[in-house]
Amino acid sequence: MGDGTLSVLVGQESKAIDMPSNVDAVTDLDDFEGEVYCIEEDLRERLEDIELISNVQMISWDRIGEIIKEHDLVTTF
């Protein structure tokens, strides 16, 4: 959500802002059968042309409440 949506983009240039890339951490969640969601409205507010890393599901703000209720553990960024 928010600026965290930029963490799921292919081709991150995190060195440009002197920050580590989150791509490895997000893709590693596949190994643990974790689910990664990206709030589409938040991402499109920041970028129009996007390519997401493979294990990310785009969702709307309307859906996020349901997802949080369905899971025992939720981490947001």
PDB file of N, CA and C in Angstrom:
ATOM      1  N   MET A   1       0.835  -1.171   0.000  1.00  0.00           N
ATOM      2  CA  MET A   1       0.000   0.000   0.000  1.00  0.00           C
ATOM      3  C   MET A   1       0.884   1.241   0.000  1.00  0.00           C
ATOM      4  N   GLY A   2       0.354   2.325  -0.458  1.00  0.00           N
ATOM      5  CA  GLY A   2       1.121   3.565  -0.506  1.00  0.00           C
ATOM      6  C   GLY A   2       2.404   3.412  -1.306  1.00  0.00           C
ATOM      7  N   ASP A   3       3.478   4.021  -0.818  1.00  0.00           N
ATOM      8  CA  ASP A   3       4.771   3.922  -1.510  1.00  0.00           C
ATOM      9  C   ASP A   3       5.327   2.503  -1.491  1.00  0.00           C
ATOM     10  N   GLY A   4       4.833   1.654  -0.594  1.00  0.00           N
ATOM     11  CA  GLY A   4       5.270   0.259  -0.553  1.00  0.00           C
ATOM     12  C   GLY A   4       4.955  -0.486  -1.830  1.00  0.00           C
ATOM     13  N   THR A   5       3.995   0.014  -2.616  1.00  0.00           N
ATOM     14  CA  THR A   5       3.652  -0.649  -3.871  1.00  0.00           C
ATOM     15  C   THR A   5       4.836  -0.659  -4.837  1.00  0.00           C
ATOM     16  N   LEU A   6       5.743   0.269  -4.680  1.00  0.00           N
ATOM     17  CA  LEU A   6       6.916   0.319  -5.565  1.00  0.00           C
ATOM     18  C   LEU A   6       7.853  -0.857  -5.321  1.00  0.00           C
ATOM     19  N   SER A   7       7.689  -1.553  -4.217  1.00  0.00           N
ATOM     20  CA  SER A   7       8.536  -2.696  -3.878  1.00  0.00           C
ATOM     21  C   SER A   7       8.276  -3.918  -4.741  1.00  0.00           C
ATOM     22  N   VAL A   8       7.188  -3.935  -5.484  1.00  0.00           N
ATOM     23  CA  VAL A   8       6.836  -5.122  -6.260  1.00  0.00           C
ATOM     24  C   VAL A   8       7.076  -4.938  -7.755  1.00  0.00           C
ATOM     25  N   LEU A   9       7.837  -3.919  -8.121  1.00  0.00           N
ATOM     26  CA  LEU A   9       8.103  -3.648  -9.526  1.00  0.00           C
ATOM     27  C   LEU A   9       9.349  -4.361 -10.024  1.00  0.00           C
ATOM     28  N   VAL A  10       9.275  -4.848 -11.247  1.00  0.00           N
ATOM     29  CA  VAL A  10      10.443  -5.407 -11.909  1.00  0.00           C
ATOM     30  C   VAL A  10      11.394  -4.251 -12.232  1.00  0.00           C
ATOM     31  N   GLY A  11      12.692  -4.480 -12.129  1.00  0.00           N
ATOM     32  CA  GLY A  11      13.682  -3.486 -12.539  1.00  0.00           C
ATOM     33  C   GLY A  11      13.861  -2.341 -11.563  1.00  0.00           C
ATOM     34  N   GLN A  12      13.682  -2.608 -10.297  1.00  0.00           N
ATOM     35  CA  GLN A  12      13.891  -1.559  -9.302  1.00  0.00           C
ATOM     36  C   GLN A  12      15.321  -1.048  -9.380  1.00  0.00           C
ATOM     37  N   GLU A  13      15.476   0.249  -9.262  1.00  0.00           N
ATOM     38  CA  GLU A  13      16.807   0.856  -9.217  1.00  0.00           C
ATOM     39  C   GLU A  13      16.984   1.477  -7.840  1.00  0.00           C
ATOM     40  N   SER A  14      17.019   0.624  -6.856  1.00  0.00           N
ATOM     41  CA  SER A  14      17.040   1.093  -5.473  1.00  0.00           C
ATOM     42  C   SER A  14      18.323   1.834  -5.106  1.00  0.00           C
ATOM     43  N   LYS A  15      19.388   1.582  -5.820  1.00  0.00           N
ATOM     44  CA  LYS A  15      20.645   2.289  -5.526  1.00  0.00           C
ATOM     45  C   LYS A  15      20.511   3.783  -5.789  1.00  0.00           C
ATOM     46  N   ALA A  16      19.594   4.145  -6.684  1.00  0.00           N
ATOM     47  CA  ALA A  16      19.384   5.555  -6.997  1.00  0.00           C
ATOM     48  C   ALA A  16      18.893   6.335  -5.785  1.00  0.00           C
ATOM     49  N   ILE A  17      18.230   5.647  -4.865  1.00  0.00           N
ATOM     50  CA  ILE A  17      17.768   6.312  -3.641  1.00  0.00           C
ATOM     51  C   ILE A  17      18.493   5.773  -2.406  1.00  0.00           C
ATOM     52  N   ASP A  18      19.586   5.060  -2.656  1.00  0.00           N
ATOM     53  CA  ASP A  18      20.433   4.520  -1.593  1.00  0.00           C
ATOM     54  C   ASP A  18      19.648   3.637  -0.614  1.00  0.00           C
ATOM     55  N   MET A  19      18.818   2.752  -1.186  1.00  0.00           N
ATOM     56  CA  MET A  19      18.026   1.818  -0.397  1.00  0.00           C
ATOM     57  C   MET A  19      18.192   0.422  -0.982  1.00  0.00           C
ATOM     58  N   PRO A  20      18.054  -0.604  -0.168  1.00  0.00           N
ATOM     59  CA  PRO A  20      18.137  -1.964  -0.704  1.00  0.00           C
ATOM     60  C   PRO A  20      16.873  -2.302  -1.511  1.00  0.00           C
ATOM     61  N   SER A  21      17.030  -3.189  -2.478  1.00  0.00           N
ATOM     62  CA  SER A  21      15.887  -3.658  -3.254  1.00  0.00           C
ATOM     63  C   SER A  21      15.105  -4.677  -2.436  1.00  0.00           C
ATOM     64  N   ASN A  22      13.800  -4.651  -2.588  1.00  0.00           N
ATOM     65  CA  ASN A  22      12.937  -5.604  -1.897  1.00  0.00           C
ATOM     66  C   ASN A  22      12.554  -6.787  -2.772  1.00  0.00           C
ATOM     67  N   VAL A  23      13.018  -6.820  -4.006  1.00  0.00           N
ATOM     68  CA  VAL A  23      12.608  -7.861  -4.944  1.00  0.00           C
ATOM     69  C   VAL A  23      12.923  -9.251  -4.404  1.00  0.00           C
ATOM     70  N   ASP A  24      14.130  -9.467  -3.906  1.00  0.00           N
ATOM     71  CA  ASP A  24      14.499 -10.793  -3.395  1.00  0.00           C
ATOM     72  C   ASP A  24      13.603 -11.205  -2.232  1.00  0.00           C
ATOM     73  N   ALA A  25      13.345 -10.296  -1.312  1.00  0.00           N
ATOM     74  CA  ALA A  25      12.509 -10.613  -0.157  1.00  0.00           C
ATOM     75  C   ALA A  25      11.089 -10.951  -0.592  1.00  0.00           C
ATOM     76  N   VAL A  26      10.551 -10.205  -1.538  1.00  0.00           N
ATOM     77  CA  VAL A  26       9.187 -10.445  -1.992  1.00  0.00           C
ATOM     78  C   VAL A  26       9.100 -11.756  -2.759  1.00  0.00           C
ATOM     79  N   THR A  27      10.071 -12.043  -3.612  1.00  0.00           N
ATOM     80  CA  THR A  27      10.030 -13.295  -4.368  1.00  0.00           C
ATOM     81  C   THR A  27      10.306 -14.498  -3.470  1.00  0.00           C
ATOM     82  N   ASP A  28      11.073 -14.326  -2.396  1.00  0.00           N
ATOM     83  CA  ASP A  28      11.319 -15.421  -1.456  1.00  0.00           C
ATOM     84  C   ASP A  28      10.046 -15.890  -0.763  1.00  0.00           C
ATOM     85  N   LEU A  29       9.056 -15.045  -0.687  1.00  0.00           N
ATOM     86  CA  LEU A  29       7.792 -15.437  -0.057  1.00  0.00           C
ATOM     87  C   LEU A  29       7.135 -16.606  -0.781  1.00  0.00           C
ATOM     88  N   ASP A  30       7.429 -16.783  -2.057  1.00  0.00           N
ATOM     89  CA  ASP A  30       6.926 -17.946  -2.800  1.00  0.00           C
ATOM     90  C   ASP A  30       7.383 -19.251  -2.151  1.00  0.00           C
ATOM     91  N   ASP A  31       8.622 -19.269  -1.667  1.00  0.00           N
ATOM     92  CA  ASP A  31       9.170 -20.473  -1.034  1.00  0.00           C
ATOM     93  C   ASP A  31       8.389 -20.858   0.221  1.00  0.00           C
ATOM     94  N   PHE A  32       7.779 -19.878   0.859  1.00  0.00           N
ATOM     95  CA  PHE A  32       7.011 -20.112   2.080  1.00  0.00           C
ATOM     96  C   PHE A  32       5.506 -20.123   1.817  1.00  0.00           C
ATOM     97  N   GLU A  33       5.155 -20.178   0.550  1.00  0.00           N
ATOM     98  CA  GLU A  33       3.758 -20.155   0.111  1.00  0.00           C
ATOM     99  C   GLU A  33       3.021 -18.924   0.638  1.00  0.00           C
ATOM    100  N   GLY A  34       3.761 -17.826   0.771  1.00  0.00           N
ATOM    101  CA  GLY A  34       3.160 -16.561   1.180  1.00  0.00           C
ATOM    102  C   GLY A  34       2.495 -15.879  -0.004  1.00  0.00           C
ATOM    103  N   GLU A  35       1.540 -15.040   0.296  1.00  0.00           N
ATOM    104  CA  GLU A  35       0.837 -14.307  -0.749  1.00  0.00           C
ATOM    105  C   GLU A  35       1.246 -12.843  -0.677  1.00  0.00           C
ATOM    106  N   VAL A  36       1.432 -12.240  -1.839  1.00  0.00           N
ATOM    107  CA  VAL A  36       1.813 -10.831  -1.920  1.00  0.00           C
ATOM    108  C   VAL A  36       0.733 -10.108  -2.709  1.00  0.00           C
ATOM    109  N   TYR A  37       0.198  -9.061  -2.100  1.00  0.00           N
ATOM    110  CA  TYR A  37      -0.837  -8.265  -2.737  1.00  0.00           C
ATOM    111  C   TYR A  37      -0.343  -6.840  -2.920  1.00  0.00           C
ATOM    112  N   CYS A  38      -0.806  -6.214  -3.969  1.00  0.00           N
ATOM    113  CA  CYS A  38      -0.475  -4.820  -4.247  1.00  0.00           C
ATOM    114  C   CYS A  38      -1.781  -4.079  -4.505  1.00  0.00           C
ATOM    115  N   ILE A  39      -1.971  -2.969  -3.834  1.00  0.00           N
ATOM    116  CA  ILE A  39      -3.187  -2.185  -4.033  1.00  0.00           C
ATOM    117  C   ILE A  39      -3.029  -1.369  -5.311  1.00  0.00           C
ATOM    118  N   GLU A  40      -3.811  -1.764  -6.299  1.00  0.00           N
ATOM    119  CA  GLU A  40      -3.672  -1.197  -7.640  1.00  0.00           C
ATOM    120  C   GLU A  40      -3.847   0.319  -7.668  1.00  0.00           C
ATOM    121  N   GLU A  41      -4.814   0.845  -6.945  1.00  0.00           N
ATOM    122  CA  GLU A  41      -5.036   2.298  -6.955  1.00  0.00           C
ATOM    123  C   GLU A  41      -3.801   3.049  -6.473  1.00  0.00           C
ATOM    124  N   ASP A  42      -3.135   2.515  -5.434  1.00  0.00           N
ATOM    125  CA  ASP A  42      -1.950   3.174  -4.895  1.00  0.00           C
ATOM    126  C   ASP A  42      -0.790   3.141  -5.887  1.00  0.00           C
ATOM    127  N   LEU A  43      -0.614   2.005  -6.554  1.00  0.00           N
ATOM    128  CA  LEU A  43       0.480   1.899  -7.514  1.00  0.00           C
ATOM    129  C   LEU A  43       0.231   2.786  -8.730  1.00  0.00           C
ATOM    130  N   ARG A  44      -0.969   2.767  -9.256  1.00  0.00           N
ATOM    131  CA  ARG A  44      -1.287   3.573 -10.445  1.00  0.00           C
ATOM    132  C   ARG A  44      -1.243   5.074 -10.149  1.00  0.00           C
ATOM    133  N   GLU A  45      -1.394   5.441  -8.885  1.00  0.00           N
ATOM    134  CA  GLU A  45      -1.240   6.837  -8.480  1.00  0.00           C
ATOM    135  C   GLU A  45       0.208   7.293  -8.682  1.00  0.00           C
ATOM    136  N   ARG A  46       1.134   6.343  -8.612  1.00  0.00           N
ATOM    137  CA  ARG A  46       2.560   6.645  -8.712  1.00  0.00           C
ATOM    138  C   ARG A  46       3.127   6.396 -10.104  1.00  0.00           C
ATOM    139  N   LEU A  47       2.628   5.371 -10.799  1.00  0.00           N
ATOM    140  CA  LEU A  47       3.138   4.991 -12.123  1.00  0.00           C
ATOM    141  C   LEU A  47       2.001   4.531 -13.013  1.00  0.00           C
ATOM    142  N   GLU A  48       2.186   4.700 -14.316  1.00  0.00           N
ATOM    143  CA  GLU A  48       1.174   4.191 -15.249  1.00  0.00           C
ATOM    144  C   GLU A  48       1.636   2.895 -15.911  1.00  0.00           C
ATOM    145  N   ASP A  49       2.834   2.894 -16.452  1.00  0.00           N
ATOM    146  CA  ASP A  49       3.375   1.684 -17.085  1.00  0.00           C
ATOM    147  C   ASP A  49       4.097   0.872 -16.024  1.00  0.00           C
ATOM    148  N   ILE A  50       3.573  -0.314 -15.753  1.00  0.00           N
ATOM    149  CA  ILE A  50       4.145  -1.113 -14.675  1.00  0.00           C
ATOM    150  C   ILE A  50       4.331  -2.555 -15.111  1.00  0.00           C
ATOM    151  N   GLU A  51       5.351  -3.174 -14.542  1.00  0.00           N
ATOM    152  CA  GLU A  51       5.566  -4.612 -14.688  1.00  0.00           C
ATOM    153  C   GLU A  51       5.876  -5.130 -13.289  1.00  0.00           C
ATOM    154  N   LEU A  52       5.020  -6.023 -12.807  1.00  0.00           N
ATOM    155  CA  LEU A  52       5.170  -6.547 -11.454  1.00  0.00           C
ATOM    156  C   LEU A  52       6.006  -7.811 -11.439  1.00  0.00           C
ATOM    157  N   ILE A  53       6.690  -8.063 -10.321  1.00  0.00           N
ATOM    158  CA  ILE A  53       7.367  -9.338 -10.161  1.00  0.00           C
ATOM    159  C   ILE A  53       6.307 -10.436 -10.122  1.00  0.00           C
ATOM    160  N   SER A  54       6.706 -11.653 -10.373  1.00  0.00           N
ATOM    161  CA  SER A  54       5.778 -12.728 -10.725  1.00  0.00           C
ATOM    162  C   SER A  54       4.743 -13.136  -9.678  1.00  0.00           C
ATOM    163  N   ASN A  55       5.022 -13.060  -8.414  1.00  0.00           N
ATOM    164  CA  ASN A  55       4.100 -13.622  -7.424  1.00  0.00           C
ATOM    165  C   ASN A  55       3.178 -12.592  -6.774  1.00  0.00           C
ATOM    166  N   VAL A  56       2.949 -11.470  -7.443  1.00  0.00           N
ATOM    167  CA  VAL A  56       2.161 -10.382  -6.863  1.00  0.00           C
ATOM    168  C   VAL A  56       0.758 -10.355  -7.451  1.00  0.00           C
ATOM    169  N   GLN A  57      -0.228 -10.223  -6.571  1.00  0.00           N
ATOM    170  CA  GLN A  57      -1.617 -10.135  -6.999  1.00  0.00           C
ATOM    171  C   GLN A  57      -2.110  -8.703  -6.807  1.00  0.00           C
ATOM    172  N   MET A  58      -2.626  -8.104  -7.872  1.00  0.00           N
ATOM    173  CA  MET A  58      -3.182  -6.760  -7.788  1.00  0.00           C
ATOM    174  C   MET A  58      -4.585  -6.848  -7.193  1.00  0.00           C
ATOM    175  N   ILE A  59      -4.865  -5.985  -6.234  1.00  0.00           N
ATOM    176  CA  ILE A  59      -6.184  -5.945  -5.608  1.00  0.00           C
ATOM    177  C   ILE A  59      -6.616  -4.486  -5.440  1.00  0.00           C
ATOM    178  N   SER A  60      -7.873  -4.303  -5.098  1.00  0.00           N
ATOM    179  CA  SER A  60      -8.388  -2.953  -4.855  1.00  0.00           C
ATOM    180  C   SER A  60      -8.464  -2.702  -3.347  1.00  0.00           C
ATOM    181  N   TRP A  61      -8.636  -1.445  -2.978  1.00  0.00           N
ATOM    182  CA  TRP A  61      -8.815  -1.100  -1.571  1.00  0.00           C
ATOM    183  C   TRP A  61     -10.049  -1.785  -1.005  1.00  0.00           C
ATOM    184  N   ASP A  62     -11.052  -1.990  -1.843  1.00  0.00           N
ATOM    185  CA  ASP A  62     -12.271  -2.660  -1.378  1.00  0.00           C
ATOM    186  C   ASP A  62     -11.984  -4.079  -0.892  1.00  0.00           C
ATOM    187  N   ARG A  63     -11.013  -4.735  -1.475  1.00  0.00           N
ATOM    188  CA  ARG A  63     -10.705  -6.137  -1.164  1.00  0.00           C
ATOM    189  C   ARG A  63      -9.774  -6.292   0.036  1.00  0.00           C
ATOM    190  N   ILE A  64      -8.999  -5.278   0.372  1.00  0.00           N
ATOM    191  CA  ILE A  64      -7.962  -5.422   1.401  1.00  0.00           C
ATOM    192  C   ILE A  64      -8.535  -5.807   2.767  1.00  0.00           C
ATOM    193  N   GLY A  65      -9.668  -5.260   3.146  1.00  0.00           N
ATOM    194  CA  GLY A  65     -10.267  -5.609   4.435  1.00  0.00           C
ATOM    195  C   GLY A  65     -10.611  -7.083   4.530  1.00  0.00           C
ATOM    196  N   GLU A  66     -11.141  -7.631   3.438  1.00  0.00           N
ATOM    197  CA  GLU A  66     -11.474  -9.054   3.399  1.00  0.00           C
ATOM    198  C   GLU A  66     -10.223  -9.909   3.548  1.00  0.00           C
ATOM    199  N   ILE A  67      -9.169  -9.533   2.879  1.00  0.00           N
ATOM    200  CA  ILE A  67      -7.920 -10.297   2.932  1.00  0.00           C
ATOM    201  C   ILE A  67      -7.352 -10.293   4.343  1.00  0.00           C
ATOM    202  N   ILE A  68      -7.363  -9.151   4.993  1.00  0.00           N
ATOM    203  CA  ILE A  68      -6.833  -9.067   6.354  1.00  0.00           C
ATOM    204  C   ILE A  68      -7.636  -9.964   7.290  1.00  0.00           C
ATOM    205  N   LYS A  69      -8.940  -9.982   7.141  1.00  0.00           N
ATOM    206  CA  LYS A  69      -9.788 -10.831   7.985  1.00  0.00           C
ATOM    207  C   LYS A  69      -9.561 -12.317   7.727  1.00  0.00           C
ATOM    208  N   GLU A  70      -9.172 -12.685   6.489  1.00  0.00           N
ATOM    209  CA  GLU A  70      -8.986 -14.089   6.111  1.00  0.00           C
ATOM    210  C   GLU A  70      -7.671 -14.681   6.612  1.00  0.00           C
ATOM    211  N   HIS A  71      -6.717 -13.849   7.021  1.00  0.00           N
ATOM    212  CA  HIS A  71      -5.379 -14.329   7.361  1.00  0.00           C
ATOM    213  C   HIS A  71      -5.040 -14.091   8.832  1.00  0.00           C
ATOM    214  N   ASP A  72      -4.225 -14.982   9.382  1.00  0.00           N
ATOM    215  CA  ASP A  72      -3.771 -14.859  10.753  1.00  0.00           C
ATOM    216  C   ASP A  72      -2.615 -13.857  10.886  1.00  0.00           C
ATOM    217  N   LEU A  73      -1.807 -13.731   9.844  1.00  0.00           N
ATOM    218  CA  LEU A  73      -0.640 -12.855   9.880  1.00  0.00           C
ATOM    219  C   LEU A  73      -0.631 -11.978   8.641  1.00  0.00           C
ATOM    220  N   VAL A  74      -0.538 -10.677   8.846  1.00  0.00           N
ATOM    221  CA  VAL A  74      -0.502  -9.727   7.743  1.00  0.00           C
ATOM    222  C   VAL A  74       0.615  -8.730   8.026  1.00  0.00           C
ATOM    223  N   THR A  75       1.467  -8.500   7.041  1.00  0.00           N
ATOM    224  CA  THR A  75       2.507  -7.494   7.145  1.00  0.00           C
ATOM    225  C   THR A  75       2.299  -6.503   6.018  1.00  0.00           C
ATOM    226  N   THR A  76       2.302  -5.225   6.340  1.00  0.00           N
ATOM    227  CA  THR A  76       2.127  -4.210   5.301  1.00  0.00           C
ATOM    228  C   THR A  76       3.381  -3.371   5.175  1.00  0.00           C
ATOM    229  N   PHE A  77       3.624  -2.921   3.971  1.00  0.00           N
ATOM    230  CA  PHE A  77       4.696  -1.940   3.730  1.00  0.00           C
ATOM    231  C   PHE A  77       4.409  -1.232   2.449  1.00  0.00           C
TER     232      PHE A  77
END
